[in-house]
Full PDB file with SEQRES, HELIX, SHEET, SSBOND, CRYST1, ORIGX, SCALE, CONECT and MASTER records, all heavy atoms in Angstrom:
SEQRES   1 A   43  ALA GLU ALA MET ALA VAL ARG TRP HIS MET GLY GLY PHE          
SEQRES   2 A   43  ASP GLU ALA ALA ARG GLY GLY SER PHE SER VAL SER LEU          
SEQRES   3 A   43  ALA TYR ASP ARG TYR PRO LEU ALA VAL LYS LEU HIS LEU          
SEQRES   4 A   43  ALA ASP LEU GLU                                              
HELIX    1 AA1 GLU A    2  ARG A    7  1                                   6    
HELIX    2 AA2 GLY A   11  PHE A   13  5                                   3    
HELIX    3 AA3 GLU A   15  ARG A   18  1                                   4    
HELIX    4 AA4 SER A   23  ARG A   30  1                                   8    
HELIX    5 AA5 PRO A   32  LEU A   42  1                                  11    
CRYST1    1.000    1.000    1.000  90.00  90.00  90.00 P 1           1          
ORIGX1      1.000000  0.000000  0.000000        0.00000                         
ORIGX2      0.000000  1.000000  0.000000        0.00000                         
ORIGX3      0.000000  0.000000  1.000000        0.00000                         
SCALE1      1.000000  0.000000  0.000000        0.00000                         
SCALE2      0.000000  1.000000  0.000000        0.00000                         
SCALE3      0.000000  0.000000  1.000000        0.00000                         
ATOM      1  N   ALA A   1       8.698   4.465  -6.757  1.00  0.00           N  
ATOM      2  CA  ALA A   1       7.250   4.651  -6.599  1.00  0.00           C  
ATOM      3  C   ALA A   1       6.483   3.456  -7.161  1.00  0.00           C  
ATOM      4  O   ALA A   1       5.468   3.026  -6.587  1.00  0.00           O  
ATOM      5  CB  ALA A   1       6.797   5.938  -7.283  1.00  0.00           C  
ATOM      6  N   GLU A   2       6.939   2.895  -8.260  1.00  0.00           N  
ATOM      7  CA  GLU A   2       6.288   1.722  -8.865  1.00  0.00           C  
ATOM      8  C   GLU A   2       6.427   0.507  -7.958  1.00  0.00           C  
ATOM      9  O   GLU A   2       5.459  -0.227  -7.732  1.00  0.00           O  
ATOM     10  CB  GLU A   2       6.910   1.429 -10.230  1.00  0.00           C  
ATOM     11  CG  GLU A   2       6.696   2.519 -11.244  1.00  0.00           C  
ATOM     12  CD  GLU A   2       7.628   2.431 -12.445  1.00  0.00           C  
ATOM     13  OE1 GLU A   2       8.581   1.603 -12.425  1.00  0.00           O  
ATOM     14  OE2 GLU A   2       7.410   3.188 -13.395  1.00  0.00           O  
ATOM     15  N   ALA A   3       7.634   0.300  -7.440  1.00  0.00           N  
ATOM     16  CA  ALA A   3       7.868  -0.843  -6.550  1.00  0.00           C  
ATOM     17  C   ALA A   3       7.005  -0.731  -5.299  1.00  0.00           C  
ATOM     18  O   ALA A   3       6.412  -1.722  -4.849  1.00  0.00           O  
ATOM     19  CB  ALA A   3       9.343  -0.935  -6.182  1.00  0.00           C  
ATOM     20  N   MET A   4       6.908   0.470  -4.737  1.00  0.00           N  
ATOM     21  CA  MET A   4       6.071   0.674  -3.548  1.00  0.00           C  
ATOM     22  C   MET A   4       4.600   0.444  -3.867  1.00  0.00           C  
ATOM     23  O   MET A   4       3.867  -0.159  -3.078  1.00  0.00           O  
ATOM     24  CB  MET A   4       6.259   2.084  -2.983  1.00  0.00           C  
ATOM     25  CG  MET A   4       7.575   2.307  -2.323  1.00  0.00           C  
ATOM     26  SD  MET A   4       7.727   1.301  -0.833  1.00  0.00           S  
ATOM     27  CE  MET A   4       9.464   1.516  -0.519  1.00  0.00           C  
ATOM     28  N   ALA A   5       4.152   0.925  -5.023  1.00  0.00           N  
ATOM     29  CA  ALA A   5       2.749   0.758  -5.406  1.00  0.00           C  
ATOM     30  C   ALA A   5       2.392  -0.720  -5.544  1.00  0.00           C  
ATOM     31  O   ALA A   5       1.376  -1.178  -5.009  1.00  0.00           O  
ATOM     32  CB  ALA A   5       2.467   1.506  -6.701  1.00  0.00           C  
ATOM     33  N   VAL A   6       3.223  -1.468  -6.251  1.00  0.00           N  
ATOM     34  CA  VAL A   6       2.955  -2.899  -6.438  1.00  0.00           C  
ATOM     35  C   VAL A   6       3.071  -3.627  -5.105  1.00  0.00           C  
ATOM     36  O   VAL A   6       2.223  -4.458  -4.759  1.00  0.00           O  
ATOM     37  CB  VAL A   6       3.899  -3.498  -7.507  1.00  0.00           C  
ATOM     38  CG1 VAL A   6       3.750  -5.015  -7.566  1.00  0.00           C  
ATOM     39  CG2 VAL A   6       3.615  -2.881  -8.873  1.00  0.00           C  
ATOM     40  N   ARG A   7       4.106  -3.312  -4.337  1.00  0.00           N  
ATOM     41  CA  ARG A   7       4.321  -3.989  -3.050  1.00  0.00           C  
ATOM     42  C   ARG A   7       3.128  -3.809  -2.115  1.00  0.00           C  
ATOM     43  O   ARG A   7       2.703  -4.726  -1.436  1.00  0.00           O  
ATOM     44  CB  ARG A   7       5.597  -3.458  -2.386  1.00  0.00           C  
ATOM     45  CG  ARG A   7       5.774  -3.813  -0.908  1.00  0.00           C  
ATOM     46  CD  ARG A   7       5.841  -5.316  -0.685  1.00  0.00           C  
ATOM     47  NE  ARG A   7       5.881  -5.679   0.708  1.00  0.00           N  
ATOM     48  CZ  ARG A   7       4.825  -6.062   1.425  1.00  0.00           C  
ATOM     49  NH1 ARG A   7       3.620  -6.095   0.886  1.00  0.00           N  
ATOM     50  NH2 ARG A   7       4.952  -6.432   2.690  1.00  0.00           N  
ATOM     51  N   TRP A   8       2.566  -2.600  -2.057  1.00  0.00           N  
ATOM     52  CA  TRP A   8       1.540  -2.300  -1.068  1.00  0.00           C  
ATOM     53  C   TRP A   8       0.142  -2.154  -1.660  1.00  0.00           C  
ATOM     54  O   TRP A   8      -0.732  -1.554  -1.038  1.00  0.00           O  
ATOM     55  CB  TRP A   8       1.922  -1.041  -0.283  1.00  0.00           C  
ATOM     56  CG  TRP A   8       3.112  -1.275   0.588  1.00  0.00           C  
ATOM     57  CD1 TRP A   8       4.366  -0.773   0.421  1.00  0.00           C  
ATOM     58  CD2 TRP A   8       3.170  -2.097   1.748  1.00  0.00           C  
ATOM     59  NE1 TRP A   8       5.199  -1.233   1.414  1.00  0.00           N  
ATOM     60  CE2 TRP A   8       4.487  -2.054   2.240  1.00  0.00           C  
ATOM     61  CE3 TRP A   8       2.229  -2.889   2.423  1.00  0.00           C  
ATOM     62  CZ2 TRP A   8       4.889  -2.754   3.377  1.00  0.00           C  
ATOM     63  CZ3 TRP A   8       2.629  -3.581   3.555  1.00  0.00           C  
ATOM     64  CH2 TRP A   8       3.950  -3.508   4.017  1.00  0.00           C  
ATOM     65  N   HIS A   9      -0.111  -2.720  -2.845  1.00  0.00           N  
ATOM     66  CA  HIS A   9      -1.428  -2.546  -3.456  1.00  0.00           C  
ATOM     67  C   HIS A   9      -2.558  -3.196  -2.655  1.00  0.00           C  
ATOM     68  O   HIS A   9      -3.721  -2.846  -2.811  1.00  0.00           O  
ATOM     69  CB  HIS A   9      -1.439  -3.046  -4.916  1.00  0.00           C  
ATOM     70  CG  HIS A   9      -1.474  -4.526  -5.069  1.00  0.00           C  
ATOM     71  ND1 HIS A   9      -0.328  -5.281  -5.139  1.00  0.00           N  
ATOM     72  CD2 HIS A   9      -2.517  -5.390  -5.167  1.00  0.00           C  
ATOM     73  CE1 HIS A   9      -0.660  -6.548  -5.280  1.00  0.00           C  
ATOM     74  NE2 HIS A   9      -1.982  -6.643  -5.296  1.00  0.00           N  
ATOM     75  N   MET A  10      -2.243  -4.116  -1.781  1.00  0.00           N  
ATOM     76  CA  MET A  10      -3.265  -4.788  -0.970  1.00  0.00           C  
ATOM     77  C   MET A  10      -3.689  -3.963   0.252  1.00  0.00           C  
ATOM     78  O   MET A  10      -4.683  -4.289   0.906  1.00  0.00           O  
ATOM     79  CB  MET A  10      -2.749  -6.145  -0.488  1.00  0.00           C  
ATOM     80  CG  MET A  10      -2.555  -7.156  -1.594  1.00  0.00           C  
ATOM     81  SD  MET A  10      -4.091  -7.813  -2.205  1.00  0.00           S  
ATOM     82  CE  MET A  10      -4.625  -8.773  -0.797  1.00  0.00           C  
ATOM     83  N   GLY A  11      -2.946  -2.934   0.582  1.00  0.00           N  
ATOM     84  CA  GLY A  11      -3.293  -2.087   1.720  1.00  0.00           C  
ATOM     85  C   GLY A  11      -3.402  -2.885   3.007  1.00  0.00           C  
ATOM     86  O   GLY A  11      -2.553  -3.708   3.321  1.00  0.00           O  
ATOM     87  N   GLY A  12      -4.488  -2.673   3.738  1.00  0.00           N  
ATOM     88  CA  GLY A  12      -4.697  -3.336   5.021  1.00  0.00           C  
ATOM     89  C   GLY A  12      -4.955  -4.827   4.923  1.00  0.00           C  
ATOM     90  O   GLY A  12      -4.953  -5.526   5.927  1.00  0.00           O  
ATOM     91  N   PHE A  13      -5.175  -5.341   3.700  1.00  0.00           N  
ATOM     92  CA  PHE A  13      -5.358  -6.781   3.507  1.00  0.00           C  
ATOM     93  C   PHE A  13      -4.020  -7.515   3.428  1.00  0.00           C  
ATOM     94  O   PHE A  13      -3.987  -8.736   3.471  1.00  0.00           O  
ATOM     95  CB  PHE A  13      -6.149  -7.057   2.226  1.00  0.00           C  
ATOM     96  CG  PHE A  13      -7.542  -6.508   2.247  1.00  0.00           C  
ATOM     97  CD1 PHE A  13      -7.846  -5.334   1.578  1.00  0.00           C  
ATOM     98  CD2 PHE A  13      -8.553  -7.160   2.930  1.00  0.00           C  
ATOM     99  CE1 PHE A  13      -9.128  -4.826   1.587  1.00  0.00           C  
ATOM    100  CE2 PHE A  13      -9.850  -6.660   2.947  1.00  0.00           C  
ATOM    101  CZ  PHE A  13     -10.135  -5.485   2.277  1.00  0.00           C  
ATOM    102  N   ASP A  14      -2.930  -6.776   3.273  1.00  0.00           N  
ATOM    103  CA  ASP A  14      -1.603  -7.377   3.175  1.00  0.00           C  
ATOM    104  C   ASP A  14      -1.242  -8.040   4.504  1.00  0.00           C  
ATOM    105  O   ASP A  14      -1.554  -7.516   5.578  1.00  0.00           O  
ATOM    106  CB  ASP A  14      -0.575  -6.292   2.825  1.00  0.00           C  
ATOM    107  CG  ASP A  14       0.780  -6.868   2.529  1.00  0.00           C  
ATOM    108  OD1 ASP A  14       1.556  -7.102   3.495  1.00  0.00           O  
ATOM    109  OD2 ASP A  14       1.096  -7.096   1.353  1.00  0.00           O  
ATOM    110  N   GLU A  15      -0.599  -9.195   4.429  1.00  0.00           N  
ATOM    111  CA  GLU A  15      -0.239  -9.936   5.642  1.00  0.00           C  
ATOM    112  C   GLU A  15       0.613  -9.104   6.601  1.00  0.00           C  
ATOM    113  O   GLU A  15       0.438  -9.174   7.815  1.00  0.00           O  
ATOM    114  CB  GLU A  15       0.500 -11.235   5.281  1.00  0.00           C  
ATOM    115  CG  GLU A  15      -0.381 -12.279   4.616  1.00  0.00           C  
ATOM    116  CD  GLU A  15      -1.483 -12.807   5.508  1.00  0.00           C  
ATOM    117  OE1 GLU A  15      -1.274 -12.955   6.725  1.00  0.00           O  
ATOM    118  OE2 GLU A  15      -2.587 -13.057   4.992  1.00  0.00           O  
ATOM    119  N   ALA A  16       1.549  -8.316   6.076  1.00  0.00           N  
ATOM    120  CA  ALA A  16       2.408  -7.504   6.946  1.00  0.00           C  
ATOM    121  C   ALA A  16       1.585  -6.452   7.682  1.00  0.00           C  
ATOM    122  O   ALA A  16       1.784  -6.216   8.876  1.00  0.00           O  
ATOM    123  CB  ALA A  16       3.519  -6.846   6.135  1.00  0.00           C  
ATOM    124  N   ALA A  17       0.657  -5.816   6.973  1.00  0.00           N  
ATOM    125  CA  ALA A  17      -0.196  -4.804   7.604  1.00  0.00           C  
ATOM    126  C   ALA A  17      -1.111  -5.452   8.639  1.00  0.00           C  
ATOM    127  O   ALA A  17      -1.318  -4.912   9.734  1.00  0.00           O  
ATOM    128  CB  ALA A  17      -1.016  -4.066   6.550  1.00  0.00           C  
ATOM    129  N   ARG A  18      -1.653  -6.619   8.309  1.00  0.00           N  
ATOM    130  CA  ARG A  18      -2.520  -7.324   9.254  1.00  0.00           C  
ATOM    131  C   ARG A  18      -1.736  -7.786  10.477  1.00  0.00           C  
ATOM    132  O   ARG A  18      -2.304  -7.945  11.560  1.00  0.00           O  
ATOM    133  CB  ARG A  18      -3.189  -8.507   8.576  1.00  0.00           C  
ATOM    134  CG  ARG A  18      -4.251  -8.036   7.591  1.00  0.00           C  
ATOM    135  CD  ARG A  18      -4.861  -9.109   6.746  1.00  0.00           C  
ATOM    136  NE  ARG A  18      -5.090 -10.361   7.437  1.00  0.00           N  
ATOM    137  CZ  ARG A  18      -5.320 -11.498   6.822  1.00  0.00           C  
ATOM    138  NH1 ARG A  18      -5.350 -11.554   5.507  1.00  0.00           N  
ATOM    139  NH2 ARG A  18      -5.518 -12.602   7.497  1.00  0.00           N  
ATOM    140  N   GLY A  19      -0.434  -7.961  10.304  1.00  0.00           N  
ATOM    141  CA  GLY A  19       0.421  -8.364  11.420  1.00  0.00           C  
ATOM    142  C   GLY A  19       0.905  -7.201  12.261  1.00  0.00           C  
ATOM    143  O   GLY A  19       1.605  -7.399  13.252  1.00  0.00           O  
ATOM    144  N   GLY A  20       0.552  -5.984  11.880  1.00  0.00           N  
ATOM    145  CA  GLY A  20       0.908  -4.828  12.693  1.00  0.00           C  
ATOM    146  C   GLY A  20       1.953  -3.898  12.096  1.00  0.00           C  
ATOM    147  O   GLY A  20       2.303  -2.891  12.697  1.00  0.00           O  
ATOM    148  N   SER A  21       2.466  -4.200  10.909  1.00  0.00           N  
ATOM    149  CA  SER A  21       3.463  -3.334  10.284  1.00  0.00           C  
ATOM    150  C   SER A  21       2.842  -1.998   9.878  1.00  0.00           C  
ATOM    151  O   SER A  21       1.725  -1.952   9.366  1.00  0.00           O  
ATOM    152  CB  SER A  21       4.049  -4.009   9.038  1.00  0.00           C  
ATOM    153  OG  SER A  21       4.878  -3.099   8.339  1.00  0.00           O  
ATOM    154  N   PHE A  22       3.572  -0.923  10.107  1.00  0.00           N  
ATOM    155  CA  PHE A  22       3.128   0.409   9.707  1.00  0.00           C  
ATOM    156  C   PHE A  22       3.781   0.858   8.406  1.00  0.00           C  
ATOM    157  O   PHE A  22       3.598   1.996   7.979  1.00  0.00           O  
ATOM    158  CB  PHE A  22       3.420   1.429  10.813  1.00  0.00           C  
ATOM    159  CG  PHE A  22       2.580   1.201  12.043  1.00  0.00           C  
ATOM    160  CD1 PHE A  22       3.118   0.563  13.148  1.00  0.00           C  
ATOM    161  CD2 PHE A  22       1.252   1.604  12.081  1.00  0.00           C  
ATOM    162  CE1 PHE A  22       2.345   0.343  14.278  1.00  0.00           C  
ATOM    163  CE2 PHE A  22       0.470   1.385  13.207  1.00  0.00           C  
ATOM    164  CZ  PHE A  22       1.016   0.751  14.311  1.00  0.00           C  
ATOM    165  N   SER A  23       4.523  -0.027   7.754  1.00  0.00           N  
ATOM    166  CA  SER A  23       5.218   0.327   6.515  1.00  0.00           C  
ATOM    167  C   SER A  23       4.256   0.771   5.425  1.00  0.00           C  
ATOM    168  O   SER A  23       4.583   1.641   4.622  1.00  0.00           O  
ATOM    169  CB  SER A  23       6.060  -0.842   6.022  1.00  0.00           C  
ATOM    170  OG  SER A  23       7.077  -1.134   6.943  1.00  0.00           O  
ATOM    171  N   VAL A  24       3.072   0.189   5.382  1.00  0.00           N  
ATOM    172  CA  VAL A  24       2.100   0.579   4.362  1.00  0.00           C  
ATOM    173  C   VAL A  24       1.728   2.052   4.524  1.00  0.00           C  
ATOM    174  O   VAL A  24       1.606   2.778   3.537  1.00  0.00           O  
ATOM    175  CB  VAL A  24       0.852  -0.336   4.369  1.00  0.00           C  
ATOM    176  CG1 VAL A  24       0.051  -0.205   5.651  1.00  0.00           C  
ATOM    177  CG2 VAL A  24      -0.026  -0.055   3.168  1.00  0.00           C  
ATOM    178  N   SER A  25       1.588   2.525   5.738  1.00  0.00           N  
ATOM    179  CA  SER A  25       1.270   3.938   5.970  1.00  0.00           C  
ATOM    180  C   SER A  25       2.400   4.840   5.497  1.00  0.00           C  
ATOM    181  O   SER A  25       2.148   5.889   4.898  1.00  0.00           O  
ATOM    182  CB  SER A  25       1.003   4.193   7.453  1.00  0.00           C  
ATOM    183  OG  SER A  25      -0.143   3.494   7.871  1.00  0.00           O  
ATOM    184  N   LEU A  26       3.619   4.440   5.759  1.00  0.00           N  
ATOM    185  CA  LEU A  26       4.775   5.225   5.300  1.00  0.00           C  
ATOM    186  C   LEU A  26       4.833   5.256   3.781  1.00  0.00           C  
ATOM    187  O   LEU A  26       5.087   6.290   3.170  1.00  0.00           O  
ATOM    188  CB  LEU A  26       6.076   4.644   5.865  1.00  0.00           C  
ATOM    189  CG  LEU A  26       6.261   4.736   7.375  1.00  0.00           C  
ATOM    190  CD1 LEU A  26       7.498   3.953   7.804  1.00  0.00           C  
ATOM    191  CD2 LEU A  26       6.362   6.185   7.808  1.00  0.00           C  
ATOM    192  N   ALA A  27       4.583   4.105   3.159  1.00  0.00           N  
ATOM    193  CA  ALA A  27       4.602   4.044   1.694  1.00  0.00           C  
ATOM    194  C   ALA A  27       3.520   4.934   1.101  1.00  0.00           C  
ATOM    195  O   ALA A  27       3.763   5.672   0.138  1.00  0.00           O  
ATOM    196  CB  ALA A  27       4.424   2.601   1.228  1.00  0.00           C  
ATOM    197  N   TYR A  28       2.313   4.895   1.664  1.00  0.00           N  
ATOM    198  CA  TYR A  28       1.210   5.712   1.152  1.00  0.00           C  
ATOM    199  C   TYR A  28       1.479   7.196   1.362  1.00  0.00           C  
ATOM    200  O   TYR A  28       1.098   8.025   0.537  1.00  0.00           O  
ATOM    201  CB  TYR A  28      -0.109   5.317   1.817  1.00  0.00           C  
ATOM    202  CG  TYR A  28      -0.677   3.999   1.340  1.00  0.00           C  
ATOM    203  CD1 TYR A  28      -1.788   3.454   1.945  1.00  0.00           C  
ATOM    204  CD2 TYR A  28      -0.094   3.283   0.285  1.00  0.00           C  
ATOM    205  CE1 TYR A  28      -2.336   2.252   1.520  1.00  0.00           C  
ATOM    206  CE2 TYR A  28      -0.627   2.083  -0.138  1.00  0.00           C  
ATOM    207  CZ  TYR A  28      -1.746   1.569   0.481  1.00  0.00           C  
ATOM    208  OH  TYR A  28      -2.271   0.374   0.061  1.00  0.00           O  
ATOM    209  N   ASP A  29       2.135   7.539   2.455  1.00  0.00           N  
ATOM    210  CA  ASP A  29       2.454   8.940   2.731  1.00  0.00           C  
ATOM    211  C   ASP A  29       3.471   9.492   1.732  1.00  0.00           C  
ATOM    212  O   ASP A  29       3.375  10.645   1.322  1.00  0.00           O  
ATOM    213  CB  ASP A  29       2.995   9.066   4.166  1.00  0.00           C  
ATOM    214  CG  ASP A  29       3.193  10.508   4.572  1.00  0.00           C  
ATOM    215  OD1 ASP A  29       2.240  11.308   4.425  1.00  0.00           O  
ATOM    216  OD2 ASP A  29       4.305  10.844   5.024  1.00  0.00           O  
ATOM    217  N   ARG A  30       4.417   8.663   1.333  1.00  0.00           N  
ATOM    218  CA  ARG A  30       5.516   9.120   0.460  1.00  0.00           C  
ATOM    219  C   ARG A  30       5.257   8.912  -1.026  1.00  0.00           C  
ATOM    220  O   ARG A  30       5.864   9.586  -1.858  1.00  0.00           O  
ATOM    221  CB  ARG A  30       6.797   8.398   0.845  1.00  0.00           C  
ATOM    222  CG  ARG A  30       7.278   8.763   2.215  1.00  0.00           C  
ATOM    223  CD  ARG A  30       8.536   8.013   2.594  1.00  0.00           C  
ATOM    224  NE  ARG A  30       8.851   8.286   3.994  1.00  0.00           N  
ATOM    225  CZ  ARG A  30       9.597   7.511   4.746  1.00  0.00           C  
ATOM    226  NH1 ARG A  30      10.133   6.419   4.232  1.00  0.00           N  
ATOM    227  NH2 ARG A  30       9.830   7.819   5.999  1.00  0.00           N  
ATOM    228  N   TYR A  31       4.413   7.954  -1.379  1.00  0.00           N  
ATOM    229  CA  TYR A  31       4.234   7.589  -2.785  1.00  0.00           C  
ATOM    230  C   TYR A  31       2.752   7.599  -3.170  1.00  0.00           C  
ATOM    231  O   TYR A  31       2.047   6.595  -2.982  1.00  0.00           O  
ATOM    232  CB  TYR A  31       4.840   6.204  -3.053  1.00  0.00           C  
ATOM    233  CG  TYR A  31       6.318   6.151  -2.770  1.00  0.00           C  
ATOM    234  CD1 TYR A  31       6.798   5.654  -1.554  1.00  0.00           C  
ATOM    235  CD2 TYR A  31       7.244   6.616  -3.706  1.00  0.00           C  
ATOM    236  CE1 TYR A  31       8.156   5.609  -1.293  1.00  0.00           C  
ATOM    237  CE2 TYR A  31       8.600   6.575  -3.451  1.00  0.00           C  
ATOM    238  CZ  TYR A  31       9.049   6.079  -2.239  1.00  0.00           C  
ATOM    239  OH  TYR A  31      10.400   6.042  -1.977  1.00  0.00           O  
ATOM    240  N   PRO A  32       2.266   8.700  -3.729  1.00  0.00           N  
ATOM    241  CA  PRO A  32       0.848   8.778  -4.130  1.00  0.00           C  
ATOM    242  C   PRO A  32       0.425   7.660  -5.088  1.00  0.00           C  
ATOM    243  O   PRO A  32      -0.721   7.208  -5.038  1.00  0.00           O  
ATOM    244  CB  PRO A  32       0.744  10.140  -4.814  1.00  0.00           C  
ATOM    245  CG  PRO A  32       1.860  10.939  -4.231  1.00  0.00           C  
ATOM    246  CD  PRO A  32       2.964   9.955  -3.953  1.00  0.00           C  
ATOM    247  N   LEU A  33       1.341   7.176  -5.932  1.00  0.00           N  
ATOM    248  CA  LEU A  33       1.004   6.089  -6.854  1.00  0.00           C  
ATOM    249  C   LEU A  33       0.561   4.840  -6.092  1.00  0.00           C  
ATOM    250  O   LEU A  33      -0.325   4.109  -6.538  1.00  0.00           O  
ATOM    251  CB  LEU A  33       2.194   5.773  -7.774  1.00  0.00           C  
ATOM    252  CG  LEU A  33       1.988   4.642  -8.785  1.00  0.00           C  
ATOM    253  CD1 LEU A  33       0.814   4.937  -9.720  1.00  0.00           C  
ATOM    254  CD2 LEU A  33       3.275   4.431  -9.593  1.00  0.00           C  
ATOM    255  N   ALA A  34       1.148   4.610  -4.923  1.00  0.00           N  
ATOM    256  CA  ALA A  34       0.769   3.447  -4.112  1.00  0.00           C  
ATOM    257  C   ALA A  34      -0.674   3.563  -3.640  1.00  0.00           C  
ATOM    258  O   ALA A  34      -1.426   2.585  -3.660  1.00  0.00           O  
ATOM    259  CB  ALA A  34       1.719   3.292  -2.926  1.00  0.00           C  
ATOM    260  N   VAL A  35      -1.081   4.742  -3.227  1.00  0.00           N  
ATOM    261  CA  VAL A  35      -2.463   4.967  -2.796  1.00  0.00           C  
ATOM    262  C   VAL A  35      -3.406   4.791  -3.987  1.00  0.00           C  
ATOM    263  O   VAL A  35      -4.438   4.128  -3.897  1.00  0.00           O  
ATOM    264  CB  VAL A  35      -2.637   6.379  -2.198  1.00  0.00           C  
ATOM    265  CG1 VAL A  35      -4.094   6.634  -1.810  1.00  0.00           C  
ATOM    266  CG2 VAL A  35      -1.719   6.580  -1.003  1.00  0.00           C  
ATOM    267  N   LYS A  36      -3.035   5.366  -5.117  1.00  0.00           N  
ATOM    268  CA  LYS A  36      -3.873   5.290  -6.316  1.00  0.00           C  
ATOM    269  C   LYS A  36      -4.063   3.843  -6.773  1.00  0.00           C  
ATOM    270  O   LYS A  36      -5.172   3.434  -7.131  1.00  0.00           O  
ATOM    271  CB  LYS A  36      -3.262   6.126  -7.443  1.00  0.00           C  
ATOM    272  CG  LYS A  36      -3.289   7.620  -7.159  1.00  0.00           C  
ATOM    273  CD  LYS A  36      -2.596   8.409  -8.266  1.00  0.00           C  
ATOM    274  CE  LYS A  36      -2.628   9.889  -7.993  1.00  0.00           C  
ATOM    275  NZ  LYS A  36      -2.075  10.672  -9.123  1.00  0.00           N  
ATOM    276  N   LEU A  37      -2.993   3.047  -6.760  1.00  0.00           N  
ATOM    277  CA  LEU A  37      -3.112   1.648  -7.179  1.00  0.00           C  
ATOM    278  C   LEU A  37      -3.994   0.866  -6.208  1.00  0.00           C  
ATOM    279  O   LEU A  37      -4.823   0.057  -6.623  1.00  0.00           O  
ATOM    280  CB  LEU A  37      -1.732   0.997  -7.304  1.00  0.00           C  
ATOM    281  CG  LEU A  37      -1.741  -0.455  -7.794  1.00  0.00           C  
ATOM    282  CD1 LEU A  37      -2.344  -0.574  -9.195  1.00  0.00           C  
ATOM    283  CD2 LEU A  37      -0.320  -1.034  -7.783  1.00  0.00           C  
ATOM    284  N   HIS A  38      -3.834   1.115  -4.915  1.00  0.00           N  
ATOM    285  CA  HIS A  38      -4.669   0.426  -3.922  1.00  0.00           C  
ATOM    286  C   HIS A  38      -6.150   0.749  -4.142  1.00  0.00           C  
ATOM    287  O   HIS A  38      -7.005  -0.148  -4.150  1.00  0.00           O  
ATOM    288  CB  HIS A  38      -4.235   0.808  -2.515  1.00  0.00           C  
ATOM    289  CG  HIS A  38      -5.111   0.237  -1.445  1.00  0.00           C  
ATOM    290  ND1 HIS A  38      -5.351  -1.117  -1.309  1.00  0.00           N  
ATOM    291  CD2 HIS A  38      -5.836   0.833  -0.474  1.00  0.00           C  
ATOM    292  CE1 HIS A  38      -6.171  -1.330  -0.282  1.00  0.00           C  
ATOM    293  NE2 HIS A  38      -6.484  -0.160   0.230  1.00  0.00           N  
ATOM    294  N   LEU A  39      -6.456   2.022  -4.351  1.00  0.00           N  
ATOM    295  CA  LEU A  39      -7.850   2.420  -4.572  1.00  0.00           C  
ATOM    296  C   LEU A  39      -8.407   1.816  -5.855  1.00  0.00           C  
ATOM    297  O   LEU A  39      -9.557   1.368  -5.894  1.00  0.00           O  
ATOM    298  CB  LEU A  39      -7.957   3.945  -4.603  1.00  0.00           C  
ATOM    299  CG  LEU A  39      -7.682   4.655  -3.271  1.00  0.00           C  
ATOM    300  CD1 LEU A  39      -7.624   6.166  -3.476  1.00  0.00           C  
ATOM    301  CD2 LEU A  39      -8.723   4.281  -2.227  1.00  0.00           C  
ATOM    302  N   ALA A  40      -7.590   1.791  -6.902  1.00  0.00           N  
ATOM    303  CA  ALA A  40      -8.027   1.186  -8.169  1.00  0.00           C  
ATOM    304  C   ALA A  40      -8.273  -0.304  -8.005  1.00  0.00           C  
ATOM    305  O   ALA A  40      -9.247  -0.848  -8.550  1.00  0.00           O  
ATOM    306  CB  ALA A  40      -6.990   1.449  -9.261  1.00  0.00           C  
ATOM    307  N   ASP A  41      -7.426  -0.978  -7.252  1.00  0.00           N  
ATOM    308  CA  ASP A  41      -7.593  -2.409  -6.998  1.00  0.00           C  
ATOM    309  C   ASP A  41      -8.882  -2.666  -6.212  1.00  0.00           C  
ATOM    310  O   ASP A  41      -9.639  -3.592  -6.524  1.00  0.00           O  
ATOM    311  CB  ASP A  41      -6.371  -2.942  -6.247  1.00  0.00           C  
ATOM    312  CG  ASP A  41      -6.339  -4.455  -6.150  1.00  0.00           C  
ATOM    313  OD1 ASP A  41      -6.752  -5.138  -7.107  1.00  0.00           O  
ATOM    314  OD2 ASP A  41      -5.882  -4.967  -5.104  1.00  0.00           O  
ATOM    315  N   LEU A  42      -9.147  -1.850  -5.212  1.00  0.00           N  
ATOM    316  CA  LEU A  42     -10.378  -1.993  -4.428  1.00  0.00           C  
ATOM    317  C   LEU A  42     -11.614  -1.813  -5.303  1.00  0.00           C  
ATOM    318  O   LEU A  42     -12.553  -2.616  -5.240  1.00  0.00           O  
ATOM    319  CB  LEU A  42     -10.413  -0.970  -3.287  1.00  0.00           C  
ATOM    320  CG  LEU A  42      -9.570  -1.252  -2.063  1.00  0.00           C  
ATOM    321  CD1 LEU A  42      -9.618  -0.059  -1.111  1.00  0.00           C  
ATOM    322  CD2 LEU A  42     -10.035  -2.510  -1.345  1.00  0.00           C  
ATOM    323  N   GLU A  43     -11.636  -0.754  -6.111  1.00  0.00           N  
ATOM    324  CA  GLU A  43     -12.807  -0.502  -6.946  1.00  0.00           C  
ATOM    325  C   GLU A  43     -13.008  -1.609  -7.969  1.00  0.00           C  
ATOM    326  O   GLU A  43     -14.130  -2.077  -8.177  1.00  0.00           O  
ATOM    327  CB  GLU A  43     -12.706   0.845  -7.661  1.00  0.00           C  
ATOM    328  CG  GLU A  43     -13.929   1.094  -8.521  1.00  0.00           C  
ATOM    329  CD  GLU A  43     -14.032   2.486  -9.088  1.00  0.00           C  
ATOM    330  OE1 GLU A  43     -13.568   3.435  -8.447  1.00  0.00           O  
ATOM    331  OE2 GLU A  43     -14.607   2.605 -10.186  1.00  0.00           O  
TER     332      GLU A  43                                                      
MASTER        0    0    0    5    0    0    0    6  331    1    0    4          
END                                                                             
C-alpha cells in the first residue's frame, strides 16, 4: 500500500496516466492510502 501510494501520488499528472495507462485507477481502487496521499498532495 505504501509503494502504491508513493508511486501514484501524482494521479492524473503522472506521465503514465497522461499517456493512457489505467494502472492509477486500479491502484486507487485497491489501496485507499494511495488516494489519500494524492488528495493530500493536491491540497
